[in-house]
Amino acid sequence: MFRAAAADGPEPFTPGYIAIDGAGPLRRRAAPERRHHVPTGDRSLTSFAYKTYTIVPRTFQIRGSGRWTLEVVISRHRCTRWFSGHATYPTEAVAIAGCREYGCRIIDGKVPDCTVADLL
């Protein structure tokens, strides 16, 4: 339920998602469930430029197996597209290298049903 700010100042911000329910005030709802991710430092260091695109590996460790996924975000200007593959890797470093290679193959048009040619 929406609460007015206290007389001594505004209510402190708590992270979460805010949704507008058409007829009522703003309501807070729980954040969606996310996959398990093992943080390993600054992710900005793992983005790669290839031709006129930026490739960002988004690899996550699969809970229980210790293996890493093949997921990549390719962007150009303001447009972004996500891709994932079926391969898994034993370490994060190998997964990042696999994501880079997979992203380059997508940009070169060598992966069936995956295109970034329409990103403006």
PDB file of N, CA and C in Angstrom:
ATOM      1  N   MET A   1       0.839  -1.169   0.000  1.00  0.00           N
ATOM      2  CA  MET A   1       0.000   0.000   0.000  1.00  0.00           C
ATOM      3  C   MET A   1       0.886   1.235   0.000  1.00  0.00           C
ATOM      4  N   PHE A   2       0.443   2.268  -0.653  1.00  0.00           N
ATOM      5  CA  PHE A   2       1.182   3.517  -0.753  1.00  0.00           C
ATOM      6  C   PHE A   2       1.144   4.233   0.586  1.00  0.00           C
ATOM      7  N   ARG A   3       2.316   4.714   1.041  1.00  0.00           N
ATOM      8  CA  ARG A   3       2.376   5.453   2.297  1.00  0.00           C
ATOM      9  C   ARG A   3       2.943   6.835   2.031  1.00  0.00           C
ATOM     10  N   ALA A   4       2.406   7.787   2.714  1.00  0.00           N
ATOM     11  CA  ALA A   4       2.914   9.155   2.593  1.00  0.00           C
ATOM     12  C   ALA A   4       4.258   9.241   3.307  1.00  0.00           C
ATOM     13  N   ALA A   5       5.072  10.190   2.896  1.00  0.00           N
ATOM     14  CA  ALA A   5       6.377  10.385   3.520  1.00  0.00           C
ATOM     15  C   ALA A   5       6.197  10.836   4.959  1.00  0.00           C
ATOM     16  N   ALA A   6       7.086  10.407   5.812  1.00  0.00           N
ATOM     17  CA  ALA A   6       7.037  10.810   7.213  1.00  0.00           C
ATOM     18  C   ALA A   6       7.325  12.297   7.322  1.00  0.00           C
ATOM     19  N   ALA A   7       6.899  12.874   8.427  1.00  0.00           N
ATOM     20  CA  ALA A   7       7.066  14.315   8.623  1.00  0.00           C
ATOM     21  C   ALA A   7       8.538  14.706   8.687  1.00  0.00           C
ATOM     22  N   ASP A   8       9.398  13.796   9.128  1.00  0.00           N
ATOM     23  CA  ASP A   8      10.809  14.139   9.273  1.00  0.00           C
ATOM     24  C   ASP A   8      11.631  13.891   8.012  1.00  0.00           C
ATOM     25  N   GLY A   9      11.009  13.483   6.922  1.00  0.00           N
ATOM     26  CA  GLY A   9      11.739  13.287   5.680  1.00  0.00           C
ATOM     27  C   GLY A   9      11.162  12.154   4.865  1.00  0.00           C
ATOM     28  N   PRO A  10      11.686  11.949   3.674  1.00  0.00           N
ATOM     29  CA  PRO A  10      11.157  10.898   2.803  1.00  0.00           C
ATOM     30  C   PRO A  10      11.530   9.506   3.306  1.00  0.00           C
ATOM     31  N   GLU A  11      10.746   8.536   2.892  1.00  0.00           N
ATOM     32  CA  GLU A  11      11.007   7.135   3.228  1.00  0.00           C
ATOM     33  C   GLU A  11      12.260   6.687   2.482  1.00  0.00           C
ATOM     34  N   PRO A  12      13.155   5.924   3.119  1.00  0.00           N
ATOM     35  CA  PRO A  12      14.360   5.478   2.416  1.00  0.00           C
ATOM     36  C   PRO A  12      14.005   4.559   1.255  1.00  0.00           C
ATOM     37  N   PHE A  13      14.812   4.634   0.202  1.00  0.00           N
ATOM     38  CA  PHE A  13      14.574   3.815  -0.993  1.00  0.00           C
ATOM     39  C   PHE A  13      14.965   2.374  -0.716  1.00  0.00           C
ATOM     40  N   THR A  14      14.108   1.452  -1.123  1.00  0.00           N
ATOM     41  CA  THR A  14      14.446   0.036  -1.067  1.00  0.00           C
ATOM     42  C   THR A  14      14.363  -0.502  -2.474  1.00  0.00           C
ATOM     43  N   PRO A  15      15.358  -1.281  -2.929  1.00  0.00           N
ATOM     44  CA  PRO A  15      15.351  -1.761  -4.304  1.00  0.00           C
ATOM     45  C   PRO A  15      14.203  -2.724  -4.558  1.00  0.00           C
ATOM     46  N   GLY A  16      13.769  -2.776  -5.791  1.00  0.00           N
ATOM     47  CA  GLY A  16      12.683  -3.657  -6.207  1.00  0.00           C
ATOM     48  C   GLY A  16      12.053  -3.097  -7.462  1.00  0.00           C
ATOM     49  N   TYR A  17      11.019  -3.720  -7.926  1.00  0.00           N
ATOM     50  CA  TYR A  17      10.329  -3.262  -9.115  1.00  0.00           C
ATOM     51  C   TYR A  17       9.058  -2.544  -8.716  1.00  0.00           C
ATOM     52  N   ILE A  18       8.729  -1.501  -9.438  1.00  0.00           N
ATOM     53  CA  ILE A  18       7.506  -0.765  -9.174  1.00  0.00           C
ATOM     54  C   ILE A  18       6.613  -0.909 -10.393  1.00  0.00           C
ATOM     55  N   ALA A  19       5.371  -1.265 -10.169  1.00  0.00           N
ATOM     56  CA  ALA A  19       4.425  -1.433 -11.265  1.00  0.00           C
ATOM     57  C   ALA A  19       3.241  -0.514 -11.049  1.00  0.00           C
ATOM     58  N   ILE A  20       2.700  -0.008 -12.135  1.00  0.00           N
ATOM     59  CA  ILE A  20       1.502   0.815 -12.055  1.00  0.00           C
ATOM     60  C   ILE A  20       0.322  -0.075 -12.388  1.00  0.00           C
ATOM     61  N   ASP A  21      -0.646  -0.152 -11.484  1.00  0.00           N
ATOM     62  CA  ASP A  21      -1.811  -1.008 -11.656  1.00  0.00           C
ATOM     63  C   ASP A  21      -3.003  -0.197 -12.168  1.00  0.00           C
ATOM     64  N   GLY A  22      -2.856   0.532 -13.201  1.00  0.00           N
ATOM     65  CA  GLY A  22      -3.937   1.257 -13.852  1.00  0.00           C
ATOM     66  C   GLY A  22      -4.751   2.149 -12.945  1.00  0.00           C
ATOM     67  N   ALA A  23      -5.588   1.577 -12.093  1.00  0.00           N
ATOM     68  CA  ALA A  23      -6.538   2.357 -11.311  1.00  0.00           C
ATOM     69  C   ALA A  23      -6.007   2.756  -9.947  1.00  0.00           C
ATOM     70  N   GLY A  24      -4.938   2.184  -9.489  1.00  0.00           N
ATOM     71  CA  GLY A  24      -4.496   2.451  -8.128  1.00  0.00           C
ATOM     72  C   GLY A  24      -3.143   3.124  -8.069  1.00  0.00           C
ATOM     73  N   PRO A  25      -2.646   3.299  -6.857  1.00  0.00           N
ATOM     74  CA  PRO A  25      -1.327   3.916  -6.682  1.00  0.00           C
ATOM     75  C   PRO A  25      -0.215   2.941  -7.059  1.00  0.00           C
ATOM     76  N   LEU A  26       1.006   3.420  -6.999  1.00  0.00           N
ATOM     77  CA  LEU A  26       2.154   2.564  -7.282  1.00  0.00           C
ATOM     78  C   LEU A  26       2.234   1.463  -6.240  1.00  0.00           C
ATOM     79  N   ARG A  27       2.524   0.253  -6.689  1.00  0.00           N
ATOM     80  CA  ARG A  27       2.642  -0.885  -5.775  1.00  0.00           C
ATOM     81  C   ARG A  27       3.972  -1.572  -6.016  1.00  0.00           C
ATOM     82  N   ARG A  28       4.571  -2.028  -4.963  1.00  0.00           N
ATOM     83  CA  ARG A  28       5.853  -2.716  -5.060  1.00  0.00           C
ATOM     84  C   ARG A  28       5.589  -4.211  -5.183  1.00  0.00           C
ATOM     85  N   ARG A  29       6.293  -4.841  -6.111  1.00  0.00           N
ATOM     86  CA  ARG A  29       6.187  -6.294  -6.238  1.00  0.00           C
ATOM     87  C   ARG A  29       7.582  -6.890  -6.221  1.00  0.00           C
ATOM     88  N   ALA A  30       7.658  -8.152  -5.936  1.00  0.00           N
ATOM     89  CA  ALA A  30       8.953  -8.824  -5.807  1.00  0.00           C
ATOM     90  C   ALA A  30       9.672  -8.876  -7.146  1.00  0.00           C
ATOM     91  N   ALA A  31      10.969  -8.811  -7.095  1.00  0.00           N
ATOM     92  CA  ALA A  31      11.784  -8.941  -8.306  1.00  0.00           C
ATOM     93  C   ALA A  31      11.657 -10.361  -8.833  1.00  0.00           C
ATOM     94  N   PRO A  32      11.732 -10.550 -10.163  1.00  0.00           N
ATOM     95  CA  PRO A  32      11.621 -11.905 -10.710  1.00  0.00           C
ATOM     96  C   PRO A  32      12.811 -12.766 -10.287  1.00  0.00           C
ATOM     97  N   GLU A  33      12.583 -14.065 -10.240  1.00  0.00           N
ATOM     98  CA  GLU A  33      13.650 -14.993  -9.862  1.00  0.00           C
ATOM     99  C   GLU A  33      14.747 -14.965 -10.921  1.00  0.00           C
ATOM    100  N   ARG A  34      15.974 -14.996 -10.492  1.00  0.00           N
ATOM    101  CA  ARG A  34      17.104 -14.960 -11.425  1.00  0.00           C
ATOM    102  C   ARG A  34      17.914 -16.236 -11.303  1.00  0.00           C
ATOM    103  N   ARG A  35      18.642 -16.526 -12.365  1.00  0.00           N
ATOM    104  CA  ARG A  35      19.516 -17.691 -12.330  1.00  0.00           C
ATOM    105  C   ARG A  35      20.697 -17.429 -11.417  1.00  0.00           C
ATOM    106  N   HIS A  36      21.258 -18.501 -10.919  1.00  0.00           N
ATOM    107  CA  HIS A  36      22.418 -18.407 -10.037  1.00  0.00           C
ATOM    108  C   HIS A  36      23.600 -17.826 -10.809  1.00  0.00           C
ATOM    109  N   HIS A  37      24.232 -16.845 -10.233  1.00  0.00           N
ATOM    110  CA  HIS A  37      25.394 -16.231 -10.871  1.00  0.00           C
ATOM    111  C   HIS A  37      26.489 -16.066  -9.827  1.00  0.00           C
ATOM    112  N   VAL A  38      27.660 -16.458 -10.180  1.00  0.00           N
ATOM    113  CA  VAL A  38      28.811 -16.283  -9.303  1.00  0.00           C
ATOM    114  C   VAL A  38      29.539 -15.029  -9.755  1.00  0.00           C
ATOM    115  N   PRO A  39      29.472 -13.928  -8.987  1.00  0.00           N
ATOM    116  CA  PRO A  39      30.133 -12.698  -9.421  1.00  0.00           C
ATOM    117  C   PRO A  39      31.646 -12.866  -9.449  1.00  0.00           C
ATOM    118  N   THR A  40      32.256 -12.335 -10.491  1.00  0.00           N
ATOM    119  CA  THR A  40      33.708 -12.482 -10.620  1.00  0.00           C
ATOM    120  C   THR A  40      34.382 -11.160 -10.949  1.00  0.00           C
ATOM    121  N   GLY A  41      33.870 -10.076 -10.443  1.00  0.00           N
ATOM    122  CA  GLY A  41      34.541  -8.809 -10.675  1.00  0.00           C
ATOM    123  C   GLY A  41      33.832  -7.952 -11.699  1.00  0.00           C
ATOM    124  N   ASP A  42      34.591  -7.055 -12.306  1.00  0.00           N
ATOM    125  CA  ASP A  42      34.049  -6.064 -13.225  1.00  0.00           C
ATOM    126  C   ASP A  42      33.742  -6.687 -14.578  1.00  0.00           C
ATOM    127  N   ARG A  43      32.465  -6.784 -14.910  1.00  0.00           N
ATOM    128  CA  ARG A  43      32.040  -7.373 -16.178  1.00  0.00           C
ATOM    129  C   ARG A  43      32.355  -6.465 -17.367  1.00  0.00           C
ATOM    130  N   SER A  44      32.545  -5.172 -17.148  1.00  0.00           N
ATOM    131  CA  SER A  44      32.812  -4.278 -18.272  1.00  0.00           C
ATOM    132  C   SER A  44      34.141  -4.614 -18.952  1.00  0.00           C
ATOM    133  N   LEU A  45      35.013  -5.320 -18.262  1.00  0.00           N
ATOM    134  CA  LEU A  45      36.291  -5.690 -18.850  1.00  0.00           C
ATOM    135  C   LEU A  45      36.155  -6.829 -19.847  1.00  0.00           C
ATOM    136  N   THR A  46      34.980  -7.471 -19.914  1.00  0.00           N
ATOM    137  CA  THR A  46      34.808  -8.610 -20.799  1.00  0.00           C
ATOM    138  C   THR A  46      33.960  -8.271 -22.018  1.00  0.00           C
ATOM    139  N   SER A  47      33.812  -7.012 -22.371  1.00  0.00           N
ATOM    140  CA  SER A  47      33.118  -6.685 -23.616  1.00  0.00           C
ATOM    141  C   SER A  47      34.159  -6.561 -24.729  1.00  0.00           C
ATOM    142  N   PHE A  48      33.741  -6.943 -25.934  1.00  0.00           N
ATOM    143  CA  PHE A  48      34.658  -6.964 -27.070  1.00  0.00           C
ATOM    144  C   PHE A  48      34.057  -6.197 -28.230  1.00  0.00           C
ATOM    145  N   ALA A  49      34.871  -5.450 -28.937  1.00  0.00           N
ATOM    146  CA  ALA A  49      34.437  -4.784 -30.162  1.00  0.00           C
ATOM    147  C   ALA A  49      34.798  -5.684 -31.336  1.00  0.00           C
ATOM    148  N   TYR A  50      33.828  -5.881 -32.231  1.00  0.00           N
ATOM    149  CA  TYR A  50      34.077  -6.677 -33.435  1.00  0.00           C
ATOM    150  C   TYR A  50      33.313  -6.028 -34.574  1.00  0.00           C
ATOM    151  N   LYS A  51      34.050  -5.624 -35.585  1.00  0.00           N
ATOM    152  CA  LYS A  51      33.496  -4.846 -36.697  1.00  0.00           C
ATOM    153  C   LYS A  51      32.820  -3.618 -36.096  1.00  0.00           C
ATOM    154  N   THR A  52      31.543  -3.384 -36.330  1.00  0.00           N
ATOM    155  CA  THR A  52      30.876  -2.214 -35.742  1.00  0.00           C
ATOM    156  C   THR A  52      29.968  -2.608 -34.584  1.00  0.00           C
ATOM    157  N   TYR A  53      30.174  -3.781 -34.001  1.00  0.00           N
ATOM    158  CA  TYR A  53      29.315  -4.312 -32.942  1.00  0.00           C
ATOM    159  C   TYR A  53      30.087  -4.430 -31.632  1.00  0.00           C
ATOM    160  N   THR A  54      29.349  -4.518 -30.542  1.00  0.00           N
ATOM    161  CA  THR A  54      29.925  -4.814 -29.240  1.00  0.00           C
ATOM    162  C   THR A  54      29.381  -6.159 -28.789  1.00  0.00           C
ATOM    163  N   ILE A  55      30.261  -7.051 -28.392  1.00  0.00           N
ATOM    164  CA  ILE A  55      29.891  -8.382 -27.910  1.00  0.00           C
ATOM    165  C   ILE A  55      30.125  -8.408 -26.402  1.00  0.00           C
ATOM    166  N   VAL A  56      29.089  -8.767 -25.654  1.00  0.00           N
ATOM    167  CA  VAL A  56      29.200  -8.866 -24.202  1.00  0.00           C
ATOM    168  C   VAL A  56      28.851 -10.291 -23.774  1.00  0.00           C
ATOM    169  N   PRO A  57      29.818 -11.054 -23.275  1.00  0.00           N
ATOM    170  CA  PRO A  57      29.506 -12.392 -22.770  1.00  0.00           C
ATOM    171  C   PRO A  57      28.639 -12.291 -21.515  1.00  0.00           C
ATOM    172  N   ARG A  58      27.595 -13.079 -21.441  1.00  0.00           N
ATOM    173  CA  ARG A  58      26.723 -13.130 -20.257  1.00  0.00           C
ATOM    174  C   ARG A  58      26.682 -14.576 -19.801  1.00  0.00           C
ATOM    175  N   THR A  59      27.784 -15.069 -19.331  1.00  0.00           N
ATOM    176  CA  THR A  59      27.887 -16.468 -18.944  1.00  0.00           C
ATOM    177  C   THR A  59      27.540 -16.632 -17.469  1.00  0.00           C
ATOM    178  N   PHE A  60      26.799 -17.668 -17.160  1.00  0.00           N
ATOM    179  CA  PHE A  60      26.382 -17.956 -15.799  1.00  0.00           C
ATOM    180  C   PHE A  60      26.766 -19.382 -15.451  1.00  0.00           C
ATOM    181  N   GLN A  61      27.069 -19.605 -14.186  1.00  0.00           N
ATOM    182  CA  GLN A  61      27.388 -20.962 -13.752  1.00  0.00           C
ATOM    183  C   GLN A  61      26.091 -21.724 -13.504  1.00  0.00           C
ATOM    184  N   ILE A  62      26.009 -22.920 -14.044  1.00  0.00           N
ATOM    185  CA  ILE A  62      24.822 -23.751 -13.878  1.00  0.00           C
ATOM    186  C   ILE A  62      24.893 -24.398 -12.503  1.00  0.00           C
ATOM    187  N   ARG A  63      23.893 -24.122 -11.702  1.00  0.00           N
ATOM    188  CA  ARG A  63      23.874 -24.609 -10.326  1.00  0.00           C
ATOM    189  C   ARG A  63      23.949 -26.136 -10.287  1.00  0.00           C
ATOM    190  N   GLY A  64      24.830 -26.638  -9.473  1.00  0.00           N
ATOM    191  CA  GLY A  64      24.951 -28.073  -9.279  1.00  0.00           C
ATOM    192  C   GLY A  64      25.933 -28.767 -10.211  1.00  0.00           C
ATOM    193  N   SER A  65      26.192 -28.179 -11.369  1.00  0.00           N
ATOM    194  CA  SER A  65      27.092 -28.848 -12.319  1.00  0.00           C
ATOM    195  C   SER A  65      28.480 -28.215 -12.351  1.00  0.00           C
ATOM    196  N   GLY A  66      28.572 -26.950 -11.971  1.00  0.00           N
ATOM    197  CA  GLY A  66      29.848 -26.253 -12.027  1.00  0.00           C
ATOM    198  C   GLY A  66      30.252 -25.822 -13.422  1.00  0.00           C
ATOM    199  N   ARG A  67      29.397 -26.061 -14.417  1.00  0.00           N
ATOM    200  CA  ARG A  67      29.707 -25.683 -15.800  1.00  0.00           C
ATOM    201  C   ARG A  67      29.123 -24.304 -16.087  1.00  0.00           C
ATOM    202  N   TRP A  68      29.596 -23.684 -17.165  1.00  0.00           N
ATOM    203  CA  TRP A  68      29.221 -22.316 -17.508  1.00  0.00           C
ATOM    204  C   TRP A  68      28.467 -22.293 -18.830  1.00  0.00           C
ATOM    205  N   THR A  69      27.470 -21.405 -18.928  1.00  0.00           N
ATOM    206  CA  THR A  69      26.607 -21.323 -20.109  1.00  0.00           C
ATOM    207  C   THR A  69      27.237 -20.510 -21.226  1.00  0.00           C
ATOM    208  N   LEU A  70      26.639 -20.628 -22.407  1.00  0.00           N
ATOM    209  CA  LEU A  70      27.031 -19.851 -23.584  1.00  0.00           C
ATOM    210  C   LEU A  70      25.902 -18.872 -23.889  1.00  0.00           C
ATOM    211  N   GLU A  71      26.055 -17.638 -23.418  1.00  0.00           N
ATOM    212  CA  GLU A  71      25.089 -16.585 -23.695  1.00  0.00           C
ATOM    213  C   GLU A  71      25.859 -15.322 -24.048  1.00  0.00           C
ATOM    214  N   VAL A  72      25.339 -14.600 -25.029  1.00  0.00           N
ATOM    215  CA  VAL A  72      26.044 -13.418 -25.513  1.00  0.00           C
ATOM    216  C   VAL A  72      25.029 -12.338 -25.875  1.00  0.00           C
ATOM    217  N   VAL A  73      25.407 -11.093 -25.618  1.00  0.00           N
ATOM    218  CA  VAL A  73      24.606  -9.938 -26.013  1.00  0.00           C
ATOM    219  C   VAL A  73      25.398  -9.204 -27.083  1.00  0.00           C
ATOM    220  N   ILE A  74      24.748  -8.952 -28.212  1.00  0.00           N
ATOM    221  CA  ILE A  74      25.394  -8.220 -29.301  1.00  0.00           C
ATOM    222  C   ILE A  74      24.627  -6.925 -29.488  1.00  0.00           C
ATOM    223  N   SER A  75      25.350  -5.819 -29.488  1.00  0.00           N
ATOM    224  CA  SER A  75      24.689  -4.526 -29.654  1.00  0.00           C
ATOM    225  C   SER A  75      25.413  -3.688 -30.696  1.00  0.00           C
ATOM    226  N   ARG A  76      24.635  -2.792 -31.255  1.00  0.00           N
ATOM    227  CA  ARG A  76      25.158  -1.842 -32.233  1.00  0.00           C
ATOM    228  C   ARG A  76      24.336  -0.582 -32.092  1.00  0.00           C
ATOM    229  N   HIS A  77      24.979   0.510 -31.813  1.00  0.00           N
ATOM    230  CA  HIS A  77      24.319   1.786 -31.537  1.00  0.00           C
ATOM    231  C   HIS A  77      23.377   1.597 -30.350  1.00  0.00           C
ATOM    232  N   ARG A  78      22.080   1.730 -30.530  1.00  0.00           N
ATOM    233  CA  ARG A  78      21.132   1.580 -29.419  1.00  0.00           C
ATOM    234  C   ARG A  78      20.383   0.257 -29.437  1.00  0.00           C
ATOM    235  N   CYS A  79      20.639  -0.578 -30.398  1.00  0.00           N
ATOM    236  CA  CYS A  79      19.915  -1.848 -30.537  1.00  0.00           C
ATOM    237  C   CYS A  79      20.726  -2.987 -29.930  1.00  0.00           C
ATOM    238  N   THR A  80      20.020  -3.892 -29.276  1.00  0.00           N
ATOM    239  CA  THR A  80      20.659  -5.010 -28.592  1.00  0.00           C
ATOM    240  C   THR A  80      19.894  -6.286 -28.871  1.00  0.00           C
ATOM    241  N   ARG A  81      20.613  -7.382 -29.002  1.00  0.00           N
ATOM    242  CA  ARG A  81      19.978  -8.684 -29.194  1.00  0.00           C
ATOM    243  C   ARG A  81      20.738  -9.725 -28.376  1.00  0.00           C
ATOM    244  N   TRP A  82      19.983 -10.628 -27.722  1.00  0.00           N
ATOM    245  CA  TRP A  82      20.543 -11.698 -26.891  1.00  0.00           C
ATOM    246  C   TRP A  82      20.550 -13.003 -27.664  1.00  0.00           C
ATOM    247  N   PHE A  83      21.599 -13.791 -27.482  1.00  0.00           N
ATOM    248  CA  PHE A  83      21.704 -15.110 -28.104  1.00  0.00           C
ATOM    249  C   PHE A  83      22.219 -16.096 -27.059  1.00  0.00           C
ATOM    250  N   SER A  84      21.822 -17.349 -27.208  1.00  0.00           N
ATOM    251  CA  SER A  84      22.361 -18.395 -26.334  1.00  0.00           C
ATOM    252  C   SER A  84      22.598 -19.645 -27.158  1.00  0.00           C
ATOM    253  N   GLY A  85      23.532 -20.445 -26.709  1.00  0.00           N
ATOM    254  CA  GLY A  85      23.848 -21.694 -27.383  1.00  0.00           C
ATOM    255  C   GLY A  85      23.705 -22.858 -26.419  1.00  0.00           C
ATOM    256  N   HIS A  86      23.827 -24.057 -26.944  1.00  0.00           N
ATOM    257  CA  HIS A  86      23.663 -25.255 -26.128  1.00  0.00           C
ATOM    258  C   HIS A  86      24.949 -25.684 -25.443  1.00  0.00           C
ATOM    259  N   ALA A  87      26.068 -25.163 -25.870  1.00  0.00           N
ATOM    260  CA  ALA A  87      27.360 -25.583 -25.317  1.00  0.00           C
ATOM    261  C   ALA A  87      27.513 -25.107 -23.875  1.00  0.00           C
ATOM    262  N   THR A  88      28.239 -25.877 -23.085  1.00  0.00           N
ATOM    263  CA  THR A  88      28.631 -25.463 -21.739  1.00  0.00           C
ATOM    264  C   THR A  88      30.142 -25.632 -21.620  1.00  0.00           C
ATOM    265  N   TYR A  89      30.723 -24.921 -20.657  1.00  0.00           N
ATOM    266  CA  TYR A  89      32.177 -24.884 -20.527  1.00  0.00           C
ATOM    267  C   TYR A  89      32.594 -25.174 -19.086  1.00  0.00           C
ATOM    268  N   PRO A  90      33.792 -25.726 -18.890  1.00  0.00           N
ATOM    269  CA  PRO A  90      34.225 -26.094 -17.537  1.00  0.00           C
ATOM    270  C   PRO A  90      34.624 -24.907 -16.661  1.00  0.00           C
ATOM    271  N   THR A  91      35.078 -23.798 -17.269  1.00  0.00           N
ATOM    272  CA  THR A  91      35.493 -22.632 -16.481  1.00  0.00           C
ATOM    273  C   THR A  91      34.899 -21.368 -17.087  1.00  0.00           C
ATOM    274  N   GLU A  92      34.864 -20.314 -16.283  1.00  0.00           N
ATOM    275  CA  GLU A  92      34.329 -19.044 -16.763  1.00  0.00           C
ATOM    276  C   GLU A  92      35.206 -18.462 -17.870  1.00  0.00           C
ATOM    277  N   ALA A  93      36.513 -18.562 -17.737  1.00  0.00           N
ATOM    278  CA  ALA A  93      37.416 -18.005 -18.750  1.00  0.00           C
ATOM    279  C   ALA A  93      37.210 -18.670 -20.109  1.00  0.00           C
ATOM    280  N   VAL A  94      37.049 -19.981 -20.113  1.00  0.00           N
ATOM    281  CA  VAL A  94      36.811 -20.701 -21.362  1.00  0.00           C
ATOM    282  C   VAL A  94      35.436 -20.330 -21.923  1.00  0.00           C
ATOM    283  N   ALA A  95      34.446 -20.143 -21.040  1.00  0.00           N
ATOM    284  CA  ALA A  95      33.105 -19.748 -21.483  1.00  0.00           C
ATOM    285  C   ALA A  95      33.126 -18.362 -22.125  1.00  0.00           C
ATOM    286  N   ILE A  96      33.873 -17.436 -21.552  1.00  0.00           N
ATOM    287  CA  ILE A  96      33.974 -16.087 -22.127  1.00  0.00           C
ATOM    288  C   ILE A  96      34.619 -16.150 -23.504  1.00  0.00           C
ATOM    289  N   ALA A  97      35.659 -16.954 -23.651  1.00  0.00           N
ATOM    290  CA  ALA A  97      36.292 -17.122 -24.967  1.00  0.00           C
ATOM    291  C   ALA A  97      35.309 -17.745 -25.958  1.00  0.00           C
ATOM    292  N   GLY A  98      34.522 -18.718 -25.501  1.00  0.00           N
ATOM    293  CA  GLY A  98      33.504 -19.332 -26.358  1.00  0.00           C
ATOM    294  C   GLY A  98      32.428 -18.345 -26.759  1.00  0.00           C
ATOM    295  N   CYS A  99      32.030 -17.469 -25.833  1.00  0.00           N
ATOM    296  CA  CYS A  99      31.029 -16.440 -26.136  1.00  0.00           C
ATOM    297  C   CYS A  99      31.562 -15.465 -27.180  1.00  0.00           C
ATOM    298  N   ARG A 100      32.827 -15.099 -27.040  1.00  0.00           N
ATOM    299  CA  ARG A 100      33.431 -14.177 -28.009  1.00  0.00           C
ATOM    300  C   ARG A 100      33.432 -14.799 -29.405  1.00  0.00           C
ATOM    301  N   GLU A 101      33.851 -16.046 -29.499  1.00  0.00           N
ATOM    302  CA  GLU A 101      33.904 -16.733 -30.792  1.00  0.00           C
ATOM    303  C   GLU A 101      32.496 -16.896 -31.376  1.00  0.00           C
ATOM    304  N   TYR A 102      31.529 -17.248 -30.528  1.00  0.00           N
ATOM    305  CA  TYR A 102      30.136 -17.418 -30.960  1.00  0.00           C
ATOM    306  C   TYR A 102      29.567 -16.086 -31.467  1.00  0.00           C
ATOM    307  N   GLY A 103      29.846 -15.000 -30.745  1.00  0.00           N
ATOM    308  CA  GLY A 103      29.380 -13.682 -31.171  1.00  0.00           C
ATOM    309  C   GLY A 103      29.964 -13.272 -32.517  1.00  0.00           C
ATOM    310  N   CYS A 104      31.239 -13.532 -32.725  1.00  0.00           N
ATOM    311  CA  CYS A 104      31.878 -13.215 -34.014  1.00  0.00           C
ATOM    312  C   CYS A 104      31.255 -14.026 -35.143  1.00  0.00           C
ATOM    313  N   ARG A 105      30.966 -15.299 -34.886  1.00  0.00           N
ATOM    314  CA  ARG A 105      30.327 -16.139 -35.904  1.00  0.00           C
ATOM    315  C   ARG A 105      28.920 -15.637 -36.233  1.00  0.00           C
ATOM    316  N   ILE A 106      28.178 -15.163 -35.231  1.00  0.00           N
ATOM    317  CA  ILE A 106      26.839 -14.608 -35.480  1.00  0.00           C
ATOM    318  C   ILE A 106      26.948 -13.365 -36.350  1.00  0.00           C
ATOM    319  N   ILE A 107      27.856 -12.466 -36.002  1.00  0.00           N
ATOM    320  CA  ILE A 107      28.034 -11.227 -36.767  1.00  0.00           C
ATOM    321  C   ILE A 107      28.445 -11.531 -38.202  1.00  0.00           C
ATOM    322  N   ASP A 108      29.275 -12.543 -38.402  1.00  0.00           N
ATOM    323  CA  ASP A 108      29.711 -12.928 -39.748  1.00  0.00           C
ATOM    324  C   ASP A 108      28.645 -13.699 -40.520  1.00  0.00           C
ATOM    325  N   GLY A 109      27.513 -14.003 -39.876  1.00  0.00           N
ATOM    326  CA  GLY A 109      26.424 -14.709 -40.553  1.00  0.00           C
ATOM    327  C   GLY A 109      26.639 -16.204 -40.679  1.00  0.00           C
ATOM    328  N   LYS A 110      27.465 -16.780 -39.826  1.00  0.00           N
ATOM    329  CA  LYS A 110      27.790 -18.206 -39.919  1.00  0.00           C
ATOM    330  C   LYS A 110      26.955 -19.095 -38.997  1.00  0.00           C
ATOM    331  N   VAL A 111      26.036 -18.503 -38.219  1.00  0.00           N
ATOM    332  CA  VAL A 111      25.174 -19.282 -37.327  1.00  0.00           C
ATOM    333  C   VAL A 111      23.758 -19.233 -37.891  1.00  0.00           C
ATOM    334  N   PRO A 112      23.186 -20.385 -38.271  1.00  0.00           N
ATOM    335  CA  PRO A 112      21.843 -20.398 -38.853  1.00  0.00           C
ATOM    336  C   PRO A 112      20.804 -19.818 -37.887  1.00  0.00           C
ATOM    337  N   ASP A 113      19.856 -19.083 -38.434  1.00  0.00           N
ATOM    338  CA  ASP A 113      18.738 -18.492 -37.683  1.00  0.00           C
ATOM    339  C   ASP A 113      19.167 -17.458 -36.648  1.00  0.00           C
ATOM    340  N   CYS A 114      20.366 -16.947 -36.722  1.00  0.00           N
ATOM    341  CA  CYS A 114      20.843 -15.891 -35.825  1.00  0.00           C
ATOM    342  C   CYS A 114      21.400 -14.768 -36.687  1.00  0.00           C
ATOM    343  N   THR A 115      20.793 -13.601 -36.591  1.00  0.00           N
ATOM    344  CA  THR A 115      21.258 -12.485 -37.408  1.00  0.00           C
ATOM    345  C   THR A 115      21.278 -11.195 -36.601  1.00  0.00           C
ATOM    346  N   VAL A 116      22.196 -10.334 -36.948  1.00  0.00           N
ATOM    347  CA  VAL A 116      22.257  -8.996 -36.376  1.00  0.00           C
ATOM    348  C   VAL A 116      22.302  -7.955 -37.490  1.00  0.00           C
ATOM    349  N   ALA A 117      22.058  -8.393 -38.717  1.00  0.00           N
ATOM    350  CA  ALA A 117      22.145  -7.495 -39.870  1.00  0.00           C
ATOM    351  C   ALA A 117      21.152  -6.344 -39.780  1.00  0.00           C
ATOM    352  N   ASP A 118      20.026  -6.545 -39.077  1.00  0.00           N
ATOM    353  CA  ASP A 118      19.004  -5.505 -39.001  1.00  0.00           C
ATOM    354  C   ASP A 118      19.189  -4.561 -37.811  1.00  0.00           C
ATOM    355  N   LEU A 119      20.232  -4.751 -36.998  1.00  0.00           N
ATOM    356  CA  LEU A 119      20.486  -3.827 -35.890  1.00  0.00           C
ATOM    357  C   LEU A 119      21.006  -2.515 -36.460  1.00  0.00           C
ATOM    358  N   LEU A 120      20.344  -1.445 -36.137  1.00  0.00           N
ATOM    359  CA  LEU A 120      20.735  -0.135 -36.680  1.00  0.00           C
ATOM    360  C   LEU A 120      21.538   0.659 -35.698  1.00  0.00           C
TER     361      LEU A 120
END
